[in-house]
Amino acid sequence: MRNRHDLLLGLALAGLTLAGPGCSHNEEVEENEVKMSLEEVPPAVREGLLREANGASITSVEKEDEHGRVVYEADVQSGGKYREIKVGPDGKPVSHEHD
């Protein structure tokens, strides 16, 4: 029983060691993102997101630090298709990505 416990503990520690570098990178990415509601973003950002969504449903909004720049990213759904839009703090488009 003791050998089995030691083996399981060793495997668990090995898994954490191997996953560690990959996990820390993901945590860094998420630290740069803040989930927000559409009502919480500044008025210029809200107007820009709504304009770029063009009537489509905005399903989520995140404030991100992207290469030292603040951007607001929204996931948008329309007609069963999803896309991502990004605007700067001034509400002007940064990029569009379609799924």
PDB file of N, CA and C in Angstrom:
ATOM      1  N   MET A   1       0.830  -1.189   0.000  1.00  0.00           N
ATOM      2  CA  MET A   1       0.000   0.000   0.000  1.00  0.00           C
ATOM      3  C   MET A   1       0.875   1.253   0.000  1.00  0.00           C
ATOM      4  N   ARG A   2       1.924   1.233   0.799  1.00  0.00           N
ATOM      5  CA  ARG A   2       2.827   2.383   0.894  1.00  0.00           C
ATOM      6  C   ARG A   2       3.493   2.653  -0.456  1.00  0.00           C
ATOM      7  N   ASN A   3       3.892   1.587  -1.159  1.00  0.00           N
ATOM      8  CA  ASN A   3       4.547   1.757  -2.461  1.00  0.00           C
ATOM      9  C   ASN A   3       3.596   2.389  -3.472  1.00  0.00           C
ATOM     10  N   ARG A   4       2.335   1.984  -3.412  1.00  0.00           N
ATOM     11  CA  ARG A   4       1.344   2.542  -4.340  1.00  0.00           C
ATOM     12  C   ARG A   4       1.147   4.037  -4.062  1.00  0.00           C
ATOM     13  N   HIS A   5       1.077   4.386  -2.787  1.00  0.00           N
ATOM     14  CA  HIS A   5       0.927   5.786  -2.396  1.00  0.00           C
ATOM     15  C   HIS A   5       2.116   6.611  -2.883  1.00  0.00           C
ATOM     16  N   ASP A   6       3.334   6.087  -2.681  1.00  0.00           N
ATOM     17  CA  ASP A   6       4.541   6.789  -3.135  1.00  0.00           C
ATOM     18  C   ASP A   6       4.549   6.938  -4.654  1.00  0.00           C
ATOM     19  N   LEU A   7       4.104   5.909  -5.357  1.00  0.00           N
ATOM     20  CA  LEU A   7       4.064   5.962  -6.816  1.00  0.00           C
ATOM     21  C   LEU A   7       3.074   7.031  -7.285  1.00  0.00           C
ATOM     22  N   LEU A   8       1.885   7.057  -6.705  1.00  0.00           N
ATOM     23  CA  LEU A   8       0.884   8.050  -7.086  1.00  0.00           C
ATOM     24  C   LEU A   8       1.357   9.470  -6.773  1.00  0.00           C
ATOM     25  N   LEU A   9       1.987   9.640  -5.618  1.00  0.00           N
ATOM     26  CA  LEU A   9       2.506  10.949  -5.243  1.00  0.00           C
ATOM     27  C   LEU A   9       3.594  11.386  -6.223  1.00  0.00           C
ATOM     28  N   GLY A  10       4.468  10.477  -6.581  1.00  0.00           N
ATOM     29  CA  GLY A  10       5.537  10.776  -7.532  1.00  0.00           C
ATOM     30  C   GLY A  10       4.987  11.157  -8.893  1.00  0.00           C
ATOM     31  N   LEU A  11       3.978  10.434  -9.364  1.00  0.00           N
ATOM     32  CA  LEU A  11       3.369  10.752 -10.651  1.00  0.00           C
ATOM     33  C   LEU A  11       2.686  12.117 -10.622  1.00  0.00           C
ATOM     34  N   ALA A  12       2.020  12.394  -9.519  1.00  0.00           N
ATOM     35  CA  ALA A  12       1.344  13.689  -9.397  1.00  0.00           C
ATOM     36  C   ALA A  12       2.359  14.829  -9.409  1.00  0.00           C
ATOM     37  N   LEU A  13       3.443  14.685  -8.683  1.00  0.00           N
ATOM     38  CA  LEU A  13       4.474  15.724  -8.660  1.00  0.00           C
ATOM     39  C   LEU A  13       5.146  15.877 -10.019  1.00  0.00           C
ATOM     40  N   ALA A  14       5.386  14.760 -10.691  1.00  0.00           N
ATOM     41  CA  ALA A  14       5.980  14.823 -12.028  1.00  0.00           C
ATOM     42  C   ALA A  14       5.041  15.555 -12.985  1.00  0.00           C
ATOM     43  N   GLY A  15       3.758  15.284 -12.884  1.00  0.00           N
ATOM     44  CA  GLY A  15       2.781  15.956 -13.738  1.00  0.00           C
ATOM     45  C   GLY A  15       2.752  17.453 -13.486  1.00  0.00           C
ATOM     46  N   LEU A  16       2.824  17.857 -12.233  1.00  0.00           N
ATOM     47  CA  LEU A  16       2.843  19.285 -11.910  1.00  0.00           C
ATOM     48  C   LEU A  16       4.118  19.951 -12.412  1.00  0.00           C
ATOM     49  N   THR A  17       5.232  19.233 -12.305  1.00  0.00           N
ATOM     50  CA  THR A  17       6.501  19.782 -12.772  1.00  0.00           C
ATOM     51  C   THR A  17       6.471  19.979 -14.270  1.00  0.00           C
ATOM     52  N   LEU A  18       5.966  19.009 -15.007  1.00  0.00           N
ATOM     53  CA  LEU A  18       5.901  19.109 -16.458  1.00  0.00           C
ATOM     54  C   LEU A  18       4.881  20.138 -16.906  1.00  0.00           C
ATOM     55  N   ALA A  19       3.778  20.244 -16.204  1.00  0.00           N
ATOM     56  CA  ALA A  19       2.724  21.186 -16.593  1.00  0.00           C
ATOM     57  C   ALA A  19       3.034  22.598 -16.132  1.00  0.00           C
ATOM     58  N   GLY A  20       3.907  22.760 -15.174  1.00  0.00           N
ATOM     59  CA  GLY A  20       4.200  24.054 -14.587  1.00  0.00           C
ATOM     60  C   GLY A  20       4.491  25.163 -15.573  1.00  0.00           C
ATOM     61  N   PRO A  21       5.481  25.002 -16.465  1.00  0.00           N
ATOM     62  CA  PRO A  21       5.777  26.107 -17.380  1.00  0.00           C
ATOM     63  C   PRO A  21       4.600  26.469 -18.275  1.00  0.00           C
ATOM     64  N   GLY A  22       3.879  25.497 -18.757  1.00  0.00           N
ATOM     65  CA  GLY A  22       2.723  25.775 -19.604  1.00  0.00           C
ATOM     66  C   GLY A  22       1.610  26.456 -18.842  1.00  0.00           C
ATOM     67  N   CYS A  23       1.399  26.045 -17.613  1.00  0.00           N
ATOM     68  CA  CYS A  23       0.333  26.632 -16.813  1.00  0.00           C
ATOM     69  C   CYS A  23       0.651  28.072 -16.443  1.00  0.00           C
ATOM     70  N   SER A  24       1.902  28.348 -16.123  1.00  0.00           N
ATOM     71  CA  SER A  24       2.216  29.716 -15.715  1.00  0.00           C
ATOM     72  C   SER A  24       2.020  30.680 -16.875  1.00  0.00           C
ATOM     73  N   HIS A  25       2.289  30.239 -18.099  1.00  0.00           N
ATOM     74  CA  HIS A  25       2.065  31.104 -19.253  1.00  0.00           C
ATOM     75  C   HIS A  25       0.579  31.427 -19.386  1.00  0.00           C
ATOM     76  N   ASN A  26      -0.269  30.420 -19.242  1.00  0.00           N
ATOM     77  CA  ASN A  26      -1.709  30.648 -19.347  1.00  0.00           C
ATOM     78  C   ASN A  26      -2.197  31.585 -18.255  1.00  0.00           C
ATOM     79  N   GLU A  27      -1.648  31.441 -17.057  1.00  0.00           N
ATOM     80  CA  GLU A  27      -2.064  32.322 -15.978  1.00  0.00           C
ATOM     81  C   GLU A  27      -1.657  33.757 -16.279  1.00  0.00           C
ATOM     82  N   GLU A  28      -0.484  33.955 -16.882  1.00  0.00           N
ATOM     83  CA  GLU A  28      -0.059  35.301 -17.226  1.00  0.00           C
ATOM     84  C   GLU A  28      -1.022  35.928 -18.220  1.00  0.00           C
ATOM     85  N   VAL A  29      -1.461  35.163 -19.201  1.00  0.00           N
ATOM     86  CA  VAL A  29      -2.387  35.675 -20.201  1.00  0.00           C
ATOM     87  C   VAL A  29      -3.685  36.086 -19.526  1.00  0.00           C
ATOM     88  N   GLU A  30      -4.190  35.239 -18.633  1.00  0.00           N
ATOM     89  CA  GLU A  30      -5.464  35.548 -17.989  1.00  0.00           C
ATOM     90  C   GLU A  30      -5.346  36.706 -17.005  1.00  0.00           C
ATOM     91  N   GLU A  31      -4.159  36.930 -16.458  1.00  0.00           N
ATOM     92  CA  GLU A  31      -3.987  38.065 -15.553  1.00  0.00           C
ATOM     93  C   GLU A  31      -4.162  39.379 -16.300  1.00  0.00           C
ATOM     94  N   ASN A  32      -3.960  39.361 -17.608  1.00  0.00           N
ATOM     95  CA  ASN A  32      -4.088  40.569 -18.427  1.00  0.00           C
ATOM     96  C   ASN A  32      -5.513  40.783 -18.912  1.00  0.00           C
ATOM     97  N   GLU A  33      -6.429  39.922 -18.522  1.00  0.00           N
ATOM     98  CA  GLU A  33      -7.817  40.018 -18.965  1.00  0.00           C
ATOM     99  C   GLU A  33      -8.745  40.242 -17.772  1.00  0.00           C
ATOM    100  N   VAL A  34      -9.693  41.150 -17.960  1.00  0.00           N
ATOM    101  CA  VAL A  34     -10.699  41.396 -16.924  1.00  0.00           C
ATOM    102  C   VAL A  34     -12.068  41.296 -17.583  1.00  0.00           C
ATOM    103  N   LYS A  35     -12.877  40.341 -17.128  1.00  0.00           N
ATOM    104  CA  LYS A  35     -14.230  40.213 -17.667  1.00  0.00           C
ATOM    105  C   LYS A  35     -15.074  41.375 -17.166  1.00  0.00           C
ATOM    106  N   MET A  36     -15.868  41.929 -18.076  1.00  0.00           N
ATOM    107  CA  MET A  36     -16.714  43.063 -17.739  1.00  0.00           C
ATOM    108  C   MET A  36     -18.066  42.894 -18.416  1.00  0.00           C
ATOM    109  N   SER A  37     -19.042  43.595 -17.917  1.00  0.00           N
ATOM    110  CA  SER A  37     -20.322  43.649 -18.619  1.00  0.00           C
ATOM    111  C   SER A  37     -20.272  44.843 -19.563  1.00  0.00           C
ATOM    112  N   LEU A  38     -21.150  44.857 -20.530  1.00  0.00           N
ATOM    113  CA  LEU A  38     -21.205  45.967 -21.482  1.00  0.00           C
ATOM    114  C   LEU A  38     -21.488  47.279 -20.757  1.00  0.00           C
ATOM    115  N   GLU A  39     -22.244  47.205 -19.674  1.00  0.00           N
ATOM    116  CA  GLU A  39     -22.583  48.406 -18.914  1.00  0.00           C
ATOM    117  C   GLU A  39     -21.392  48.953 -18.137  1.00  0.00           C
ATOM    118  N   GLU A  40     -20.389  48.124 -17.860  1.00  0.00           N
ATOM    119  CA  GLU A  40     -19.231  48.545 -17.067  1.00  0.00           C
ATOM    120  C   GLU A  40     -18.149  49.247 -17.885  1.00  0.00           C
ATOM    121  N   VAL A  41     -18.137  49.067 -19.188  1.00  0.00           N
ATOM    122  CA  VAL A  41     -17.079  49.663 -20.003  1.00  0.00           C
ATOM    123  C   VAL A  41     -17.346  51.157 -20.193  1.00  0.00           C
ATOM    124  N   PRO A  42     -16.302  51.933 -20.475  1.00  0.00           N
ATOM    125  CA  PRO A  42     -16.504  53.367 -20.716  1.00  0.00           C
ATOM    126  C   PRO A  42     -17.471  53.612 -21.879  1.00  0.00           C
ATOM    127  N   PRO A  43     -18.184  54.734 -21.864  1.00  0.00           N
ATOM    128  CA  PRO A  43     -19.173  55.023 -22.905  1.00  0.00           C
ATOM    129  C   PRO A  43     -18.627  54.937 -24.344  1.00  0.00           C
ATOM    130  N   ALA A  44     -17.415  55.450 -24.591  1.00  0.00           N
ATOM    131  CA  ALA A  44     -16.852  55.398 -25.951  1.00  0.00           C
ATOM    132  C   ALA A  44     -16.620  53.956 -26.388  1.00  0.00           C
ATOM    133  N   VAL A  45     -16.197  53.114 -25.455  1.00  0.00           N
ATOM    134  CA  VAL A  45     -15.972  51.696 -25.755  1.00  0.00           C
ATOM    135  C   VAL A  45     -17.300  51.011 -26.049  1.00  0.00           C
ATOM    136  N   ARG A  46     -18.299  51.257 -25.200  1.00  0.00           N
ATOM    137  CA  ARG A  46     -19.623  50.657 -25.397  1.00  0.00           C
ATOM    138  C   ARG A  46     -20.188  51.034 -26.768  1.00  0.00           C
ATOM    139  N   GLU A  47     -20.096  52.304 -27.112  1.00  0.00           N
ATOM    140  CA  GLU A  47     -20.598  52.755 -28.419  1.00  0.00           C
ATOM    141  C   GLU A  47     -19.841  52.089 -29.560  1.00  0.00           C
ATOM    142  N   GLY A  48     -18.524  51.985 -29.420  1.00  0.00           N
ATOM    143  CA  GLY A  48     -17.718  51.339 -30.453  1.00  0.00           C
ATOM    144  C   GLY A  48     -18.050  49.862 -30.612  1.00  0.00           C
ATOM    145  N   LEU A  49     -18.206  49.155 -29.495  1.00  0.00           N
ATOM    146  CA  LEU A  49     -18.546  47.729 -29.559  1.00  0.00           C
ATOM    147  C   LEU A  49     -19.921  47.527 -30.192  1.00  0.00           C
ATOM    148  N   LEU A  50     -20.891  48.338 -29.786  1.00  0.00           N
ATOM    149  CA  LEU A  50     -22.241  48.213 -30.354  1.00  0.00           C
ATOM    150  C   LEU A  50     -22.244  48.538 -31.851  1.00  0.00           C
ATOM    151  N   ARG A  51     -21.477  49.552 -32.223  1.00  0.00           N
ATOM    152  CA  ARG A  51     -21.379  49.922 -33.640  1.00  0.00           C
ATOM    153  C   ARG A  51     -20.762  48.774 -34.452  1.00  0.00           C
ATOM    154  N   GLU A  52     -19.663  48.215 -33.957  1.00  0.00           N
ATOM    155  CA  GLU A  52     -18.969  47.146 -34.670  1.00  0.00           C
ATOM    156  C   GLU A  52     -19.770  45.842 -34.662  1.00  0.00           C
ATOM    157  N   ALA A  53     -20.571  45.621 -33.613  1.00  0.00           N
ATOM    158  CA  ALA A  53     -21.411  44.417 -33.553  1.00  0.00           C
ATOM    159  C   ALA A  53     -22.532  44.497 -34.579  1.00  0.00           C
ATOM    160  N   ASN A  54     -22.902  45.714 -34.962  1.00  0.00           N
ATOM    161  CA  ASN A  54     -23.900  45.929 -36.018  1.00  0.00           C
ATOM    162  C   ASN A  54     -25.197  45.146 -35.776  1.00  0.00           C
ATOM    163  N   GLY A  55     -25.704  45.220 -34.556  1.00  0.00           N
ATOM    164  CA  GLY A  55     -26.966  44.569 -34.235  1.00  0.00           C
ATOM    165  C   GLY A  55     -26.837  43.136 -33.745  1.00  0.00           C
ATOM    166  N   ALA A  56     -25.652  42.556 -33.846  1.00  0.00           N
ATOM    167  CA  ALA A  56     -25.448  41.183 -33.356  1.00  0.00           C
ATOM    168  C   ALA A  56     -25.397  41.193 -31.830  1.00  0.00           C
ATOM    169  N   SER A  57     -25.625  40.035 -31.239  1.00  0.00           N
ATOM    170  CA  SER A  57     -25.635  39.897 -29.791  1.00  0.00           C
ATOM    171  C   SER A  57     -24.208  39.835 -29.246  1.00  0.00           C
ATOM    172  N   ILE A  58     -23.892  40.723 -28.308  1.00  0.00           N
ATOM    173  CA  ILE A  58     -22.588  40.694 -27.633  1.00  0.00           C
ATOM    174  C   ILE A  58     -22.709  39.752 -26.447  1.00  0.00           C
ATOM    175  N   THR A  59     -21.954  38.650 -26.488  1.00  0.00           N
ATOM    176  CA  THR A  59     -22.088  37.616 -25.463  1.00  0.00           C
ATOM    177  C   THR A  59     -21.109  37.777 -24.307  1.00  0.00           C
ATOM    178  N   SER A  60     -19.970  38.443 -24.529  1.00  0.00           N
ATOM    179  CA  SER A  60     -19.028  38.691 -23.437  1.00  0.00           C
ATOM    180  C   SER A  60     -18.108  39.848 -23.815  1.00  0.00           C
ATOM    181  N   VAL A  61     -17.565  40.490 -22.783  1.00  0.00           N
ATOM    182  CA  VAL A  61     -16.635  41.607 -22.974  1.00  0.00           C
ATOM    183  C   VAL A  61     -15.479  41.430 -22.003  1.00  0.00           C
ATOM    184  N   GLU A  62     -14.262  41.652 -22.495  1.00  0.00           N
ATOM    185  CA  GLU A  62     -13.077  41.606 -21.648  1.00  0.00           C
ATOM    186  C   GLU A  62     -12.201  42.814 -21.930  1.00  0.00           C
ATOM    187  N   LYS A  63     -11.604  43.340 -20.885  1.00  0.00           N
ATOM    188  CA  LYS A  63     -10.597  44.385 -21.013  1.00  0.00           C
ATOM    189  C   LYS A  63      -9.249  43.671 -20.948  1.00  0.00           C
ATOM    190  N   GLU A  64      -8.376  43.931 -21.930  1.00  0.00           N
ATOM    191  CA  GLU A  64      -7.107  43.237 -22.009  1.00  0.00           C
ATOM    192  C   GLU A  64      -5.948  44.203 -22.172  1.00  0.00           C
ATOM    193  N   ASP A  65      -4.788  43.765 -21.744  1.00  0.00           N
ATOM    194  CA  ASP A  65      -3.536  44.466 -22.017  1.00  0.00           C
ATOM    195  C   ASP A  65      -2.866  43.671 -23.123  1.00  0.00           C
ATOM    196  N   GLU A  66      -2.814  44.241 -24.296  1.00  0.00           N
ATOM    197  CA  GLU A  66      -2.261  43.558 -25.462  1.00  0.00           C
ATOM    198  C   GLU A  66      -1.022  44.311 -25.924  1.00  0.00           C
ATOM    199  N   HIS A  67       0.137  43.766 -25.609  1.00  0.00           N
ATOM    200  CA  HIS A  67       1.409  44.385 -25.995  1.00  0.00           C
ATOM    201  C   HIS A  67       1.511  45.820 -25.473  1.00  0.00           C
ATOM    202  N   GLY A  68       1.086  46.019 -24.233  1.00  0.00           N
ATOM    203  CA  GLY A  68       1.171  47.328 -23.614  1.00  0.00           C
ATOM    204  C   GLY A  68       0.035  48.285 -23.954  1.00  0.00           C
ATOM    205  N   ARG A  69      -0.923  47.816 -24.773  1.00  0.00           N
ATOM    206  CA  ARG A  69      -2.082  48.642 -25.149  1.00  0.00           C
ATOM    207  C   ARG A  69      -3.343  48.060 -24.523  1.00  0.00           C
ATOM    208  N   VAL A  70      -4.204  48.915 -24.026  1.00  0.00           N
ATOM    209  CA  VAL A  70      -5.490  48.464 -23.499  1.00  0.00           C
ATOM    210  C   VAL A  70      -6.452  48.297 -24.668  1.00  0.00           C
ATOM    211  N   VAL A  71      -7.066  47.118 -24.756  1.00  0.00           N
ATOM    212  CA  VAL A  71      -8.096  46.866 -25.763  1.00  0.00           C
ATOM    213  C   VAL A  71      -9.283  46.210 -25.084  1.00  0.00           C
ATOM    214  N   TYR A  72     -10.434  46.399 -25.660  1.00  0.00           N
ATOM    215  CA  TYR A  72     -11.666  45.773 -25.176  1.00  0.00           C
ATOM    216  C   TYR A  72     -12.100  44.779 -26.242  1.00  0.00           C
ATOM    217  N   GLU A  73     -12.251  43.526 -25.833  1.00  0.00           N
ATOM    218  CA  GLU A  73     -12.585  42.443 -26.756  1.00  0.00           C
ATOM    219  C   GLU A  73     -14.008  41.957 -26.457  1.00  0.00           C
ATOM    220  N   ALA A  74     -14.798  41.825 -27.492  1.00  0.00           N
ATOM    221  CA  ALA A  74     -16.172  41.337 -27.325  1.00  0.00           C
ATOM    222  C   ALA A  74     -16.395  40.132 -28.225  1.00  0.00           C
ATOM    223  N   ASP A  75     -17.051  39.113 -27.681  1.00  0.00           N
ATOM    224  CA  ASP A  75     -17.502  37.978 -28.480  1.00  0.00           C
ATOM    225  C   ASP A  75     -18.911  38.297 -28.934  1.00  0.00           C
ATOM    226  N   VAL A  76     -19.148  38.111 -30.224  1.00  0.00           N
ATOM    227  CA  VAL A  76     -20.403  38.503 -30.841  1.00  0.00           C
ATOM    228  C   VAL A  76     -21.006  37.302 -31.550  1.00  0.00           C
ATOM    229  N   GLN A  77     -22.326  37.139 -31.448  1.00  0.00           N
ATOM    230  CA  GLN A  77     -23.027  36.033 -32.100  1.00  0.00           C
ATOM    231  C   GLN A  77     -24.151  36.583 -32.971  1.00  0.00           C
ATOM    232  N   SER A  78     -24.209  36.061 -34.196  1.00  0.00           N
ATOM    233  CA  SER A  78     -25.274  36.443 -35.113  1.00  0.00           C
ATOM    234  C   SER A  78     -25.513  35.311 -36.097  1.00  0.00           C
ATOM    235  N   GLY A  79     -26.754  34.875 -36.201  1.00  0.00           N
ATOM    236  CA  GLY A  79     -27.091  33.833 -37.163  1.00  0.00           C
ATOM    237  C   GLY A  79     -26.332  32.540 -36.953  1.00  0.00           C
ATOM    238  N   GLY A  80     -26.039  32.181 -35.718  1.00  0.00           N
ATOM    239  CA  GLY A  80     -25.317  30.948 -35.431  1.00  0.00           C
ATOM    240  C   GLY A  80     -23.818  31.050 -35.657  1.00  0.00           C
ATOM    241  N   LYS A  81     -23.336  32.212 -36.043  1.00  0.00           N
ATOM    242  CA  LYS A  81     -21.898  32.411 -36.253  1.00  0.00           C
ATOM    243  C   LYS A  81     -21.352  33.308 -35.160  1.00  0.00           C
ATOM    244  N   TYR A  82     -20.123  33.023 -34.794  1.00  0.00           N
ATOM    245  CA  TYR A  82     -19.468  33.798 -33.753  1.00  0.00           C
ATOM    246  C   TYR A  82     -18.296  34.568 -34.347  1.00  0.00           C
ATOM    247  N   ARG A  83     -18.061  35.754 -33.796  1.00  0.00           N
ATOM    248  CA  ARG A  83     -16.886  36.511 -34.178  1.00  0.00           C
ATOM    249  C   ARG A  83     -16.423  37.318 -32.983  1.00  0.00           C
ATOM    250  N   GLU A  84     -15.225  37.826 -33.091  1.00  0.00           N
ATOM    251  CA  GLU A  84     -14.621  38.599 -32.022  1.00  0.00           C
ATOM    252  C   GLU A  84     -14.292  39.977 -32.564  1.00  0.00           C
ATOM    253  N   ILE A  85     -14.626  40.989 -31.797  1.00  0.00           N
ATOM    254  CA  ILE A  85     -14.267  42.343 -32.196  1.00  0.00           C
ATOM    255  C   ILE A  85     -13.460  42.976 -31.075  1.00  0.00           C
ATOM    256  N   LYS A  86     -12.558  43.858 -31.460  1.00  0.00           N
ATOM    257  CA  LYS A  86     -11.734  44.557 -30.476  1.00  0.00           C
ATOM    258  C   LYS A  86     -11.747  46.037 -30.806  1.00  0.00           C
ATOM    259  N   VAL A  87     -11.886  46.834 -29.755  1.00  0.00           N
ATOM    260  CA  VAL A  87     -11.806  48.285 -29.904  1.00  0.00           C
ATOM    261  C   VAL A  87     -10.847  48.830 -28.850  1.00  0.00           C
ATOM    262  N   GLY A  88     -10.298  49.987 -29.132  1.00  0.00           N
ATOM    263  CA  GLY A  88      -9.438  50.663 -28.175  1.00  0.00           C
ATOM    264  C   GLY A  88     -10.265  51.462 -27.189  1.00  0.00           C
ATOM    265  N   PRO A  89      -9.617  52.107 -26.237  1.00  0.00           N
ATOM    266  CA  PRO A  89     -10.320  52.927 -25.242  1.00  0.00           C
ATOM    267  C   PRO A  89     -11.134  54.059 -25.868  1.00  0.00           C
ATOM    268  N   ASP A  90     -10.787  54.441 -27.103  1.00  0.00           N
ATOM    269  CA  ASP A  90     -11.525  55.493 -27.794  1.00  0.00           C
ATOM    270  C   ASP A  90     -12.724  54.959 -28.572  1.00  0.00           C
ATOM    271  N   GLY A  91     -12.918  53.618 -28.565  1.00  0.00           N
ATOM    272  CA  GLY A  91     -14.046  53.002 -29.260  1.00  0.00           C
ATOM    273  C   GLY A  91     -13.765  52.678 -30.716  1.00  0.00           C
ATOM    274  N   LYS A  92     -12.572  53.017 -31.198  1.00  0.00           N
ATOM    275  CA  LYS A  92     -12.229  52.730 -32.596  1.00  0.00           C
ATOM    276  C   LYS A  92     -11.797  51.281 -32.736  1.00  0.00           C
ATOM    277  N   PRO A  93     -12.166  50.626 -33.864  1.00  0.00           N
ATOM    278  CA  PRO A  93     -11.844  49.207 -34.047  1.00  0.00           C
ATOM    279  C   PRO A  93     -10.342  48.943 -34.069  1.00  0.00           C
ATOM    280  N   VAL A  94      -9.978  47.825 -33.465  1.00  0.00           N
ATOM    281  CA  VAL A  94      -8.597  47.360 -33.473  1.00  0.00           C
ATOM    282  C   VAL A  94      -8.486  46.164 -34.413  1.00  0.00           C
ATOM    283  N   SER A  95      -9.438  45.203 -34.320  1.00  0.00           N
ATOM    284  CA  SER A  95      -9.417  44.037 -35.207  1.00  0.00           C
ATOM    285  C   SER A  95     -10.741  43.306 -35.151  1.00  0.00           C
ATOM    286  N   HIS A  96     -10.936  42.445 -36.155  1.00  0.00           N
ATOM    287  CA  HIS A  96     -12.105  41.559 -36.215  1.00  0.00           C
ATOM    288  C   HIS A  96     -11.589  40.155 -36.489  1.00  0.00           C
ATOM    289  N   GLU A  97     -12.159  39.148 -35.821  1.00  0.00           N
ATOM    290  CA  GLU A  97     -11.808  37.757 -36.078  1.00  0.00           C
ATOM    291  C   GLU A  97     -13.093  36.970 -36.206  1.00  0.00           C
ATOM    292  N   HIS A  98     -13.187  36.187 -37.275  1.00  0.00           N
ATOM    293  CA  HIS A  98     -14.373  35.343 -37.499  1.00  0.00           C
ATOM    294  C   HIS A  98     -14.049  33.909 -37.182  1.00  0.00           C
ATOM    295  N   ASP A  99     -15.017  33.190 -36.596  1.00  0.00           N
ATOM    296  CA  ASP A  99     -14.881  31.752 -36.340  1.00  0.00           C
ATOM    297  C   ASP A  99     -15.525  30.964 -37.439  1.00  0.00           C
TER     298      ASP A  99
END
